Amino acid sequence: MNTALRIAIDEAFYQARKALKEQTPTEAFSWLERAHILNQRMPILHAQSHWLMLRAGWQLRDFREVLSQVPRIIAALLFSKIWVPLGNSGRARVSAFAPMPISPELQRLLQGETR
């Protein structure tokens, strides 16, 4: 993993955990969606994204989100190296199989560019 990508993932997780600690789960989701897109092909980090989304869903009392994250955690651990829908935000409101557009900034990070 290139340094810029690692820094971006670490920052997203840091900000998400901070938001969860501050009981601002909506803010946490913004950071977790970013982390999810960046780490989809890394099983442990991918599963971590879904675990933290489950926690954010719990804080919101959004039980659809909570229940949706359980199979996604398992799938992240089992299938991340095989296939992922690129750009997918990882949230319950989006099909787990739907690819989504990736912002130019995140595309650069995923491609190893540091602009």
PDB file of N, CA and C in Angstrom:
ATOM      1  N   MET A   1       0.855  -1.174   0.000  1.00  0.00           N
ATOM      2  CA  MET A   1       0.000   0.000   0.000  1.00  0.00           C
ATOM      3  C   MET A   1       0.898   1.233   0.000  1.00  0.00           C
ATOM      4  N   ASN A   2       0.566   2.193  -0.869  1.00  0.00           N
ATOM      5  CA  ASN A   2       1.386   3.399  -0.919  1.00  0.00           C
ATOM      6  C   ASN A   2       1.123   4.288   0.304  1.00  0.00           C
ATOM      7  N   THR A   3       2.076   5.149   0.589  1.00  0.00           N
ATOM      8  CA  THR A   3       2.021   5.978   1.795  1.00  0.00           C
ATOM      9  C   THR A   3       0.814   6.908   1.817  1.00  0.00           C
ATOM     10  N   ALA A   4       0.521   7.546   0.697  1.00  0.00           N
ATOM     11  CA  ALA A   4      -0.616   8.482   0.660  1.00  0.00           C
ATOM     12  C   ALA A   4      -1.928   7.758   0.937  1.00  0.00           C
ATOM     13  N   LEU A   5      -2.081   6.563   0.401  1.00  0.00           N
ATOM     14  CA  LEU A   5      -3.296   5.782   0.642  1.00  0.00           C
ATOM     15  C   LEU A   5      -3.381   5.393   2.108  1.00  0.00           C
ATOM     16  N   ARG A   6      -2.294   4.944   2.681  1.00  0.00           N
ATOM     17  CA  ARG A   6      -2.282   4.552   4.095  1.00  0.00           C
ATOM     18  C   ARG A   6      -2.639   5.737   4.995  1.00  0.00           C
ATOM     19  N   ILE A   7      -2.084   6.898   4.701  1.00  0.00           N
ATOM     20  CA  ILE A   7      -2.374   8.100   5.490  1.00  0.00           C
ATOM     21  C   ILE A   7      -3.858   8.454   5.366  1.00  0.00           C
ATOM     22  N   ALA A   8      -4.407   8.380   4.165  1.00  0.00           N
ATOM     23  CA  ALA A   8      -5.823   8.714   3.945  1.00  0.00           C
ATOM     24  C   ALA A   8      -6.738   7.753   4.699  1.00  0.00           C
ATOM     25  N   ILE A   9      -6.413   6.469   4.679  1.00  0.00           N
ATOM     26  CA  ILE A   9      -7.226   5.484   5.406  1.00  0.00           C
ATOM     27  C   ILE A   9      -7.127   5.722   6.908  1.00  0.00           C
ATOM     28  N   ASP A  10      -5.909   5.916   7.399  1.00  0.00           N
ATOM     29  CA  ASP A  10      -5.715   6.174   8.833  1.00  0.00           C
ATOM     30  C   ASP A  10      -6.476   7.418   9.281  1.00  0.00           C
ATOM     31  N   GLU A  11      -6.424   8.472   8.480  1.00  0.00           N
ATOM     32  CA  GLU A  11      -7.133   9.716   8.814  1.00  0.00           C
ATOM     33  C   GLU A  11      -8.646   9.487   8.843  1.00  0.00           C
ATOM     34  N   ALA A  12      -9.157   8.759   7.876  1.00  0.00           N
ATOM     35  CA  ALA A  12     -10.600   8.489   7.829  1.00  0.00           C
ATOM     36  C   ALA A  12     -11.039   7.696   9.059  1.00  0.00           C
ATOM     37  N   PHE A  13     -10.272   6.676   9.424  1.00  0.00           N
ATOM     38  CA  PHE A  13     -10.612   5.898  10.623  1.00  0.00           C
ATOM     39  C   PHE A  13     -10.491   6.741  11.888  1.00  0.00           C
ATOM     40  N   TYR A  14      -9.454   7.558  11.967  1.00  0.00           N
ATOM     41  CA  TYR A  14      -9.277   8.425  13.139  1.00  0.00           C
ATOM     42  C   TYR A  14     -10.481   9.359  13.302  1.00  0.00           C
ATOM     43  N   GLN A  15     -10.853  10.033  12.213  1.00  0.00           N
ATOM     44  CA  GLN A  15     -11.970  10.976  12.268  1.00  0.00           C
ATOM     45  C   GLN A  15     -13.290  10.258  12.562  1.00  0.00           C
ATOM     46  N   ALA A  16     -13.469   9.071  12.013  1.00  0.00           N
ATOM     47  CA  ALA A  16     -14.698   8.306  12.267  1.00  0.00           C
ATOM     48  C   ALA A  16     -14.790   7.911  13.741  1.00  0.00           C
ATOM     49  N   ARG A  17     -13.692   7.413  14.297  1.00  0.00           N
ATOM     50  CA  ARG A  17     -13.698   7.027  15.712  1.00  0.00           C
ATOM     51  C   ARG A  17     -13.935   8.238  16.610  1.00  0.00           C
ATOM     52  N   LYS A  18     -13.330   9.349  16.240  1.00  0.00           N
ATOM     53  CA  LYS A  18     -13.527  10.591  17.001  1.00  0.00           C
ATOM     54  C   LYS A  18     -15.010  10.986  16.975  1.00  0.00           C
ATOM     55  N   ALA A  19     -15.621  10.914  15.803  1.00  0.00           N
ATOM     56  CA  ALA A  19     -17.043  11.259  15.685  1.00  0.00           C
ATOM     57  C   ALA A  19     -17.914  10.291  16.493  1.00  0.00           C
ATOM     58  N   LEU A  20     -17.577   9.014  16.478  1.00  0.00           N
ATOM     59  CA  LEU A  20     -18.342   8.049  17.276  1.00  0.00           C
ATOM     60  C   LEU A  20     -18.195   8.359  18.766  1.00  0.00           C
ATOM     61  N   LYS A  21     -16.996   8.688  19.181  1.00  0.00           N
ATOM     62  CA  LYS A  21     -16.761   9.033  20.588  1.00  0.00           C
ATOM     63  C   LYS A  21     -17.567  10.273  20.980  1.00  0.00           C
ATOM     64  N   GLU A  22     -17.678  11.212  20.046  1.00  0.00           N
ATOM     65  CA  GLU A  22     -18.422  12.452  20.294  1.00  0.00           C
ATOM     66  C   GLU A  22     -19.929  12.293  20.041  1.00  0.00           C
ATOM     67  N   GLN A  23     -20.346  11.059  19.754  1.00  0.00           N
ATOM     68  CA  GLN A  23     -21.757  10.761  19.507  1.00  0.00           C
ATOM     69  C   GLN A  23     -22.320  11.533  18.305  1.00  0.00           C
ATOM     70  N   THR A  24     -21.511  11.663  17.256  1.00  0.00           N
ATOM     71  CA  THR A  24     -21.961  12.275  16.006  1.00  0.00           C
ATOM     72  C   THR A  24     -21.846  11.234  14.883  1.00  0.00           C
ATOM     73  N   PRO A  25     -22.744  10.241  14.909  1.00  0.00           N
ATOM     74  CA  PRO A  25     -22.633   9.135  13.963  1.00  0.00           C
ATOM     75  C   PRO A  25     -22.806   9.535  12.503  1.00  0.00           C
ATOM     76  N   THR A  26     -23.569  10.571  12.225  1.00  0.00           N
ATOM     77  CA  THR A  26     -23.727  11.004  10.837  1.00  0.00           C
ATOM     78  C   THR A  26     -22.391  11.471  10.279  1.00  0.00           C
ATOM     79  N   GLU A  27     -21.636  12.185  11.073  1.00  0.00           N
ATOM     80  CA  GLU A  27     -20.298  12.606  10.668  1.00  0.00           C
ATOM     81  C   GLU A  27     -19.392  11.389  10.515  1.00  0.00           C
ATOM     82  N   ALA A  28     -19.520  10.440  11.423  1.00  0.00           N
ATOM     83  CA  ALA A  28     -18.714   9.219  11.340  1.00  0.00           C
ATOM     84  C   ALA A  28     -18.967   8.500  10.021  1.00  0.00           C
ATOM     85  N   PHE A  29     -20.222   8.439   9.597  1.00  0.00           N
ATOM     86  CA  PHE A  29     -20.536   7.747   8.348  1.00  0.00           C
ATOM     87  C   PHE A  29     -19.820   8.375   7.149  1.00  0.00           C
ATOM     88  N   SER A  30     -19.703   9.686   7.124  1.00  0.00           N
ATOM     89  CA  SER A  30     -18.995  10.337   6.014  1.00  0.00           C
ATOM     90  C   SER A  30     -17.555   9.839   5.927  1.00  0.00           C
ATOM     91  N   TRP A  31     -16.905   9.761   7.063  1.00  0.00           N
ATOM     92  CA  TRP A  31     -15.519   9.287   7.101  1.00  0.00           C
ATOM     93  C   TRP A  31     -15.444   7.797   6.808  1.00  0.00           C
ATOM     94  N   LEU A  32     -16.413   7.039   7.294  1.00  0.00           N
ATOM     95  CA  LEU A  32     -16.391   5.590   7.081  1.00  0.00           C
ATOM     96  C   LEU A  32     -16.650   5.223   5.629  1.00  0.00           C
ATOM     97  N   GLU A  33     -17.501   5.978   4.955  1.00  0.00           N
ATOM     98  CA  GLU A  33     -17.721   5.734   3.530  1.00  0.00           C
ATOM     99  C   GLU A  33     -16.423   5.964   2.757  1.00  0.00           C
ATOM    100  N   ARG A  34     -15.716   6.990   3.112  1.00  0.00           N
ATOM    101  CA  ARG A  34     -14.420   7.280   2.475  1.00  0.00           C
ATOM    102  C   ARG A  34     -13.437   6.134   2.739  1.00  0.00           C
ATOM    103  N   ALA A  35     -13.319   5.727   3.999  1.00  0.00           N
ATOM    104  CA  ALA A  35     -12.426   4.622   4.348  1.00  0.00           C
ATOM    105  C   ALA A  35     -12.820   3.359   3.589  1.00  0.00           C
ATOM    106  N   HIS A  36     -14.106   3.095   3.520  1.00  0.00           N
ATOM    107  CA  HIS A  36     -14.603   1.889   2.858  1.00  0.00           C
ATOM    108  C   HIS A  36     -14.193   1.844   1.394  1.00  0.00           C
ATOM    109  N   ILE A  37     -14.338   2.938   0.704  1.00  0.00           N
ATOM    110  CA  ILE A  37     -13.972   2.986  -0.715  1.00  0.00           C
ATOM    111  C   ILE A  37     -12.467   2.745  -0.873  1.00  0.00           C
ATOM    112  N   LEU A  38     -11.685   3.304   0.028  1.00  0.00           N
ATOM    113  CA  LEU A  38     -10.226   3.185  -0.081  1.00  0.00           C
ATOM    114  C   LEU A  38      -9.690   1.812   0.317  1.00  0.00           C
ATOM    115  N   ASN A  39     -10.415   1.093   1.182  1.00  0.00           N
ATOM    116  CA  ASN A  39      -9.847  -0.165   1.678  1.00  0.00           C
ATOM    117  C   ASN A  39     -10.632  -1.409   1.270  1.00  0.00           C
ATOM    118  N   GLN A  40     -11.485  -1.299   0.279  1.00  0.00           N
ATOM    119  CA  GLN A  40     -12.341  -2.422  -0.108  1.00  0.00           C
ATOM    120  C   GLN A  40     -11.584  -3.699  -0.440  1.00  0.00           C
ATOM    121  N   ARG A  41     -10.384  -3.602  -0.926  1.00  0.00           N
ATOM    122  CA  ARG A  41      -9.636  -4.808  -1.320  1.00  0.00           C
ATOM    123  C   ARG A  41      -8.701  -5.316  -0.216  1.00  0.00           C
ATOM    124  N   MET A  42      -8.865  -4.772   0.980  1.00  0.00           N
ATOM    125  CA  MET A  42      -8.026  -5.162   2.119  1.00  0.00           C
ATOM    126  C   MET A  42      -8.949  -5.759   3.186  1.00  0.00           C
ATOM    127  N   PRO A  43      -9.037  -7.081   3.275  1.00  0.00           N
ATOM    128  CA  PRO A  43     -10.065  -7.727   4.095  1.00  0.00           C
ATOM    129  C   PRO A  43     -10.214  -7.219   5.527  1.00  0.00           C
ATOM    130  N   ILE A  44      -9.140  -7.085   6.257  1.00  0.00           N
ATOM    131  CA  ILE A  44      -9.254  -6.675   7.665  1.00  0.00           C
ATOM    132  C   ILE A  44      -9.740  -5.229   7.770  1.00  0.00           C
ATOM    133  N   LEU A  45      -9.140  -4.331   6.996  1.00  0.00           N
ATOM    134  CA  LEU A  45      -9.567  -2.928   7.036  1.00  0.00           C
ATOM    135  C   LEU A  45     -10.991  -2.779   6.503  1.00  0.00           C
ATOM    136  N   HIS A  46     -11.333  -3.546   5.486  1.00  0.00           N
ATOM    137  CA  HIS A  46     -12.676  -3.514   4.921  1.00  0.00           C
ATOM    138  C   HIS A  46     -13.694  -3.933   5.993  1.00  0.00           C
ATOM    139  N   ALA A  47     -13.408  -5.031   6.681  1.00  0.00           N
ATOM    140  CA  ALA A  47     -14.297  -5.489   7.752  1.00  0.00           C
ATOM    141  C   ALA A  47     -14.374  -4.455   8.874  1.00  0.00           C
ATOM    142  N   GLN A  48     -13.258  -3.808   9.162  1.00  0.00           N
ATOM    143  CA  GLN A  48     -13.237  -2.759  10.199  1.00  0.00           C
ATOM    144  C   GLN A  48     -14.169  -1.611   9.819  1.00  0.00           C
ATOM    145  N   SER A  49     -14.189  -1.245   8.550  1.00  0.00           N
ATOM    146  CA  SER A  49     -15.103  -0.192   8.088  1.00  0.00           C
ATOM    147  C   SER A  49     -16.544  -0.566   8.407  1.00  0.00           C
ATOM    148  N   HIS A  50     -16.893  -1.825   8.092  1.00  0.00           N
ATOM    149  CA  HIS A  50     -18.266  -2.270   8.336  1.00  0.00           C
ATOM    150  C   HIS A  50     -18.576  -2.372   9.831  1.00  0.00           C
ATOM    151  N   TRP A  51     -17.604  -2.783  10.633  1.00  0.00           N
ATOM    152  CA  TRP A  51     -17.810  -2.845  12.082  1.00  0.00           C
ATOM    153  C   TRP A  51     -18.116  -1.445  12.638  1.00  0.00           C
ATOM    154  N   LEU A  52     -17.341  -0.464  12.195  1.00  0.00           N
ATOM    155  CA  LEU A  52     -17.572   0.901  12.673  1.00  0.00           C
ATOM    156  C   LEU A  52     -18.892   1.463  12.131  1.00  0.00           C
ATOM    157  N   MET A  53     -19.290   1.054  10.920  1.00  0.00           N
ATOM    158  CA  MET A  53     -20.609   1.454  10.403  1.00  0.00           C
ATOM    159  C   MET A  53     -21.717   0.841  11.252  1.00  0.00           C
ATOM    160  N   LEU A  54     -21.519  -0.391  11.687  1.00  0.00           N
ATOM    161  CA  LEU A  54     -22.490  -1.019  12.580  1.00  0.00           C
ATOM    162  C   LEU A  54     -22.614  -0.197  13.867  1.00  0.00           C
ATOM    163  N   ARG A  55     -21.487   0.211  14.430  1.00  0.00           N
ATOM    164  CA  ARG A  55     -21.511   1.023  15.653  1.00  0.00           C
ATOM    165  C   ARG A  55     -22.204   2.369  15.427  1.00  0.00           C
ATOM    166  N   ALA A  56     -21.935   3.000  14.269  1.00  0.00           N
ATOM    167  CA  ALA A  56     -22.592   4.276  13.959  1.00  0.00           C
ATOM    168  C   ALA A  56     -24.090   4.063  13.800  1.00  0.00           C
ATOM    169  N   GLY A  57     -24.475   2.977  13.145  1.00  0.00           N
ATOM    170  CA  GLY A  57     -25.902   2.651  13.013  1.00  0.00           C
ATOM    171  C   GLY A  57     -26.549   2.450  14.373  1.00  0.00           C
ATOM    172  N   TRP A  58     -25.831   1.808  15.280  1.00  0.00           N
ATOM    173  CA  TRP A  58     -26.338   1.594  16.634  1.00  0.00           C
ATOM    174  C   TRP A  58     -26.559   2.934  17.343  1.00  0.00           C
ATOM    175  N   GLN A  59     -25.599   3.851  17.197  1.00  0.00           N
ATOM    176  CA  GLN A  59     -25.763   5.163  17.825  1.00  0.00           C
ATOM    177  C   GLN A  59     -26.978   5.897  17.270  1.00  0.00           C
ATOM    178  N   LEU A  60     -27.249   5.712  15.990  1.00  0.00           N
ATOM    179  CA  LEU A  60     -28.412   6.353  15.368  1.00  0.00           C
ATOM    180  C   LEU A  60     -29.709   5.612  15.665  1.00  0.00           C
ATOM    181  N   ARG A  61     -29.598   4.425  16.249  1.00  0.00           N
ATOM    182  CA  ARG A  61     -30.746   3.527  16.448  1.00  0.00           C
ATOM    183  C   ARG A  61     -31.371   3.162  15.107  1.00  0.00           C
ATOM    184  N   ASP A  62     -30.507   3.033  14.094  1.00  0.00           N
ATOM    185  CA  ASP A  62     -30.911   2.632  12.752  1.00  0.00           C
ATOM    186  C   ASP A  62     -30.652   1.129  12.642  1.00  0.00           C
ATOM    187  N   PHE A  63     -31.663   0.353  12.992  1.00  0.00           N
ATOM    188  CA  PHE A  63     -31.473  -1.083  13.074  1.00  0.00           C
ATOM    189  C   PHE A  63     -31.352  -1.739  11.705  1.00  0.00           C
ATOM    190  N   ARG A  64     -31.860  -1.105  10.677  1.00  0.00           N
ATOM    191  CA  ARG A  64     -31.621  -1.601   9.318  1.00  0.00           C
ATOM    192  C   ARG A  64     -30.123  -1.539   9.016  1.00  0.00           C
ATOM    193  N   GLU A  65     -29.503  -0.441   9.383  1.00  0.00           N
ATOM    194  CA  GLU A  65     -28.063  -0.280   9.170  1.00  0.00           C
ATOM    195  C   GLU A  65     -27.291  -1.331   9.970  1.00  0.00           C
ATOM    196  N   VAL A  66     -27.650  -1.497  11.225  1.00  0.00           N
ATOM    197  CA  VAL A  66     -26.963  -2.458  12.088  1.00  0.00           C
ATOM    198  C   VAL A  66     -27.064  -3.864  11.499  1.00  0.00           C
ATOM    199  N   LEU A  67     -28.277  -4.284  11.160  1.00  0.00           N
ATOM    200  CA  LEU A  67     -28.469  -5.641  10.639  1.00  0.00           C
ATOM    201  C   LEU A  67     -27.800  -5.835   9.286  1.00  0.00           C
ATOM    202  N   SER A  68     -27.747  -4.794   8.486  1.00  0.00           N
ATOM    203  CA  SER A  68     -27.114  -4.878   7.175  1.00  0.00           C
ATOM    204  C   SER A  68     -25.602  -5.038   7.279  1.00  0.00           C
ATOM    205  N   GLN A  69     -25.011  -4.497   8.321  1.00  0.00           N
ATOM    206  CA  GLN A  69     -23.557  -4.534   8.448  1.00  0.00           C
ATOM    207  C   GLN A  69     -23.033  -5.904   8.864  1.00  0.00           C
ATOM    208  N   VAL A  70     -23.835  -6.706   9.540  1.00  0.00           N
ATOM    209  CA  VAL A  70     -23.357  -8.025  10.000  1.00  0.00           C
ATOM    210  C   VAL A  70     -22.923  -8.909   8.826  1.00  0.00           C
ATOM    211  N   PRO A  71     -23.775  -9.141   7.814  1.00  0.00           N
ATOM    212  CA  PRO A  71     -23.295  -9.969   6.694  1.00  0.00           C
ATOM    213  C   PRO A  71     -22.187  -9.291   5.889  1.00  0.00           C
ATOM    214  N   ARG A  72     -22.164  -7.979   5.888  1.00  0.00           N
ATOM    215  CA  ARG A  72     -21.112  -7.265   5.155  1.00  0.00           C
ATOM    216  C   ARG A  72     -19.747  -7.442   5.823  1.00  0.00           C
ATOM    217  N   ILE A  73     -19.725  -7.528   7.135  1.00  0.00           N
ATOM    218  CA  ILE A  73     -18.469  -7.793   7.841  1.00  0.00           C
ATOM    219  C   ILE A  73     -17.931  -9.164   7.419  1.00  0.00           C
ATOM    220  N   ILE A  74     -18.803 -10.148   7.422  1.00  0.00           N
ATOM    221  CA  ILE A  74     -18.401 -11.507   7.038  1.00  0.00           C
ATOM    222  C   ILE A  74     -17.949 -11.539   5.583  1.00  0.00           C
ATOM    223  N   ALA A  75     -18.727 -10.916   4.698  1.00  0.00           N
ATOM    224  CA  ALA A  75     -18.371 -10.895   3.270  1.00  0.00           C
ATOM    225  C   ALA A  75     -17.049 -10.165   3.051  1.00  0.00           C
ATOM    226  N   ALA A  76     -16.805  -9.097   3.805  1.00  0.00           N
ATOM    227  CA  ALA A  76     -15.546  -8.356   3.663  1.00  0.00           C
ATOM    228  C   ALA A  76     -14.354  -9.257   3.972  1.00  0.00           C
ATOM    229  N   LEU A  77     -14.490 -10.061   5.006  1.00  0.00           N
ATOM    230  CA  LEU A  77     -13.401 -10.953   5.386  1.00  0.00           C
ATOM    231  C   LEU A  77     -13.192 -12.069   4.365  1.00  0.00           C
ATOM    232  N   LEU A  78     -14.281 -12.551   3.780  1.00  0.00           N
ATOM    233  CA  LEU A  78     -14.200 -13.697   2.876  1.00  0.00           C
ATOM    234  C   LEU A  78     -13.935 -13.344   1.417  1.00  0.00           C
ATOM    235  N   PHE A  79     -14.461 -12.202   0.956  1.00  0.00           N
ATOM    236  CA  PHE A  79     -14.463 -11.952  -0.485  1.00  0.00           C
ATOM    237  C   PHE A  79     -13.691 -10.723  -0.956  1.00  0.00           C
ATOM    238  N   SER A  80     -13.130  -9.933  -0.071  1.00  0.00           N
ATOM    239  CA  SER A  80     -12.459  -8.689  -0.475  1.00  0.00           C
ATOM    240  C   SER A  80     -11.353  -8.895  -1.492  1.00  0.00           C
ATOM    241  N   LYS A  81     -10.632  -9.990  -1.389  1.00  0.00           N
ATOM    242  CA  LYS A  81      -9.529 -10.252  -2.319  1.00  0.00           C
ATOM    243  C   LYS A  81     -10.037 -10.781  -3.664  1.00  0.00           C
ATOM    244  N   ILE A  82     -11.271 -11.281  -3.688  1.00  0.00           N
ATOM    245  CA  ILE A  82     -11.815 -11.896  -4.899  1.00  0.00           C
ATOM    246  C   ILE A  82     -12.576 -10.876  -5.748  1.00  0.00           C
ATOM    247  N   TRP A  83     -13.534 -10.169  -5.117  1.00  0.00           N
ATOM    248  CA  TRP A  83     -14.370  -9.225  -5.864  1.00  0.00           C
ATOM    249  C   TRP A  83     -15.012  -8.244  -4.897  1.00  0.00           C
ATOM    250  N   VAL A  84     -15.032  -6.981  -5.290  1.00  0.00           N
ATOM    251  CA  VAL A  84     -15.777  -5.946  -4.571  1.00  0.00           C
ATOM    252  C   VAL A  84     -16.400  -5.014  -5.604  1.00  0.00           C
ATOM    253  N   PRO A  85     -17.554  -4.436  -5.290  1.00  0.00           N
ATOM    254  CA  PRO A  85     -18.142  -3.439  -6.192  1.00  0.00           C
ATOM    255  C   PRO A  85     -17.439  -2.104  -5.980  1.00  0.00           C
ATOM    256  N   LEU A  86     -16.539  -1.748  -6.857  1.00  0.00           N
ATOM    257  CA  LEU A  86     -15.708  -0.560  -6.681  1.00  0.00           C
ATOM    258  C   LEU A  86     -16.538   0.697  -6.451  1.00  0.00           C
ATOM    259  N   GLY A  87     -16.098   1.496  -5.508  1.00  0.00           N
ATOM    260  CA  GLY A  87     -16.750   2.759  -5.210  1.00  0.00           C
ATOM    261  C   GLY A  87     -17.947   2.651  -4.285  1.00  0.00           C
ATOM    262  N   ASN A  88     -18.383   1.443  -3.995  1.00  0.00           N
ATOM    263  CA  ASN A  88     -19.561   1.246  -3.144  1.00  0.00           C
ATOM    264  C   ASN A  88     -19.296   1.835  -1.764  1.00  0.00           C
ATOM    265  N   SER A  89     -20.267   2.571  -1.235  1.00  0.00           N
ATOM    266  CA  SER A  89     -20.090   3.274   0.037  1.00  0.00           C
ATOM    267  C   SER A  89     -20.172   2.360   1.256  1.00  0.00           C
ATOM    268  N   GLY A  90     -20.741   1.167   1.102  1.00  0.00           N
ATOM    269  CA  GLY A  90     -20.819   0.229   2.207  1.00  0.00           C
ATOM    270  C   GLY A  90     -22.020   0.378   3.115  1.00  0.00           C
ATOM    271  N   ARG A  91     -22.869   1.350   2.843  1.00  0.00           N
ATOM    272  CA  ARG A  91     -24.032   1.604   3.698  1.00  0.00           C
ATOM    273  C   ARG A  91     -25.207   0.694   3.358  1.00  0.00           C
ATOM    274  N   ALA A  92     -26.126   0.556   4.278  1.00  0.00           N
ATOM    275  CA  ALA A  92     -27.307  -0.285   4.107  1.00  0.00           C
ATOM    276  C   ALA A  92     -28.225   0.240   3.010  1.00  0.00           C
ATOM    277  N   ARG A  93     -28.224   1.528   2.781  1.00  0.00           N
ATOM    278  CA  ARG A  93     -29.127   2.118   1.793  1.00  0.00           C
ATOM    279  C   ARG A  93     -28.690   1.848   0.351  1.00  0.00           C
ATOM    280  N   VAL A  94     -27.525   1.212   0.193  1.00  0.00           N
ATOM    281  CA  VAL A  94     -26.965   0.911  -1.125  1.00  0.00           C
ATOM    282  C   VAL A  94     -26.814  -0.604  -1.239  1.00  0.00           C
ATOM    283  N   SER A  95     -27.154  -1.163  -2.370  1.00  0.00           N
ATOM    284  CA  SER A  95     -26.955  -2.592  -2.589  1.00  0.00           C
ATOM    285  C   SER A  95     -25.482  -2.938  -2.374  1.00  0.00           C
ATOM    286  N   ALA A  96     -25.250  -4.037  -1.701  1.00  0.00           N
ATOM    287  CA  ALA A  96     -23.882  -4.481  -1.452  1.00  0.00           C
ATOM    288  C   ALA A  96     -23.172  -4.886  -2.738  1.00  0.00           C
ATOM    289  N   PHE A  97     -23.908  -5.013  -3.832  1.00  0.00           N
ATOM    290  CA  PHE A  97     -23.337  -5.462  -5.104  1.00  0.00           C
ATOM    291  C   PHE A  97     -23.211  -4.339  -6.137  1.00  0.00           C
ATOM    292  N   ALA A  98     -23.615  -3.118  -5.778  1.00  0.00           N
ATOM    293  CA  ALA A  98     -23.654  -2.015  -6.741  1.00  0.00           C
ATOM    294  C   ALA A  98     -22.347  -1.231  -6.771  1.00  0.00           C
ATOM    295  N   PRO A  99     -21.662  -1.213  -7.931  1.00  0.00           N
ATOM    296  CA  PRO A  99     -20.519  -0.308  -8.052  1.00  0.00           C
ATOM    297  C   PRO A  99     -21.015   1.138  -8.093  1.00  0.00           C
ATOM    298  N   MET A 100     -20.182   2.052  -7.649  1.00  0.00           N
ATOM    299  CA  MET A 100     -20.562   3.464  -7.621  1.00  0.00           C
ATOM    300  C   MET A 100     -19.395   4.295  -8.153  1.00  0.00           C
ATOM    301  N   PRO A 101     -19.680   5.505  -8.637  1.00  0.00           N
ATOM    302  CA  PRO A 101     -18.584   6.370  -9.114  1.00  0.00           C
ATOM    303  C   PRO A 101     -17.621   6.703  -7.971  1.00  0.00           C
ATOM    304  N   ILE A 102     -16.368   6.844  -8.319  1.00  0.00           N
ATOM    305  CA  ILE A 102     -15.327   7.201  -7.346  1.00  0.00           C
ATOM    306  C   ILE A 102     -14.829   8.598  -7.674  1.00  0.00           C
ATOM    307  N   SER A 103     -14.741   9.446  -6.661  1.00  0.00           N
ATOM    308  CA  SER A 103     -14.274  10.817  -6.884  1.00  0.00           C
ATOM    309  C   SER A 103     -12.850  10.801  -7.431  1.00  0.00           C
ATOM    310  N   PRO A 104     -12.479  11.835  -8.184  1.00  0.00           N
ATOM    311  CA  PRO A 104     -11.107  11.907  -8.714  1.00  0.00           C
ATOM    312  C   PRO A 104     -10.046  11.834  -7.609  1.00  0.00           C
ATOM    313  N   GLU A 105     -10.310  12.455  -6.474  1.00  0.00           N
ATOM    314  CA  GLU A 105      -9.350  12.426  -5.362  1.00  0.00           C
ATOM    315  C   GLU A 105      -9.105  10.997  -4.889  1.00  0.00           C
ATOM    316  N   LEU A 106     -10.178  10.247  -4.677  1.00  0.00           N
ATOM    317  CA  LEU A 106     -10.022   8.877  -4.212  1.00  0.00           C
ATOM    318  C   LEU A 106      -9.432   7.983  -5.299  1.00  0.00           C
ATOM    319  N   GLN A 107      -9.764   8.253  -6.560  1.00  0.00           N
ATOM    320  CA  GLN A 107      -9.163   7.496  -7.662  1.00  0.00           C
ATOM    321  C   GLN A 107      -7.646   7.666  -7.663  1.00  0.00           C
ATOM    322  N   ARG A 108      -7.179   8.904  -7.469  1.00  0.00           N
ATOM    323  CA  ARG A 108      -5.732   9.161  -7.425  1.00  0.00           C
ATOM    324  C   ARG A 108      -5.067   8.383  -6.283  1.00  0.00           C
ATOM    325  N   LEU A 109      -5.707   8.381  -5.123  1.00  0.00           N
ATOM    326  CA  LEU A 109      -5.151   7.640  -3.987  1.00  0.00           C
ATOM    327  C   LEU A 109      -5.085   6.145  -4.297  1.00  0.00           C
ATOM    328  N   LEU A 110      -6.131   5.627  -4.883  1.00  0.00           N
ATOM    329  CA  LEU A 110      -6.165   4.199  -5.210  1.00  0.00           C
ATOM    330  C   LEU A 110      -5.160   3.818  -6.295  1.00  0.00           C
ATOM    331  N   GLN A 111      -4.870   4.762  -7.165  1.00  0.00           N
ATOM    332  CA  GLN A 111      -3.906   4.502  -8.239  1.00  0.00           C
ATOM    333  C   GLN A 111      -2.466   4.816  -7.827  1.00  0.00           C
ATOM    334  N   GLY A 112      -2.284   5.319  -6.608  1.00  0.00           N
ATOM    335  CA  GLY A 112      -0.937   5.576  -6.123  1.00  0.00           C
ATOM    336  C   GLY A 112      -0.387   6.940  -6.452  1.00  0.00           C
ATOM    337  N   GLU A 113      -1.234   7.845  -6.945  1.00  0.00           N
ATOM    338  CA  GLU A 113      -0.778   9.196  -7.236  1.00  0.00           C
ATOM    339  C   GLU A 113      -0.837  10.030  -5.971  1.00  0.00           C
ATOM    340  N   THR A 114       0.014  10.998  -5.862  1.00  0.00           N
ATOM    341  CA  THR A 114       0.070  11.825  -4.645  1.00  0.00           C
ATOM    342  C   THR A 114      -0.260  13.277  -4.913  1.00  0.00           C
ATOM    343  N   ARG A 115      -0.892  13.581  -6.020  1.00  0.00           N
ATOM    344  CA  ARG A 115      -1.236  14.979  -6.325  1.00  0.00           C
ATOM    345  C   ARG A 115      -2.159  15.567  -5.308  1.00  0.00           C
TER     346      ARG A 115
END
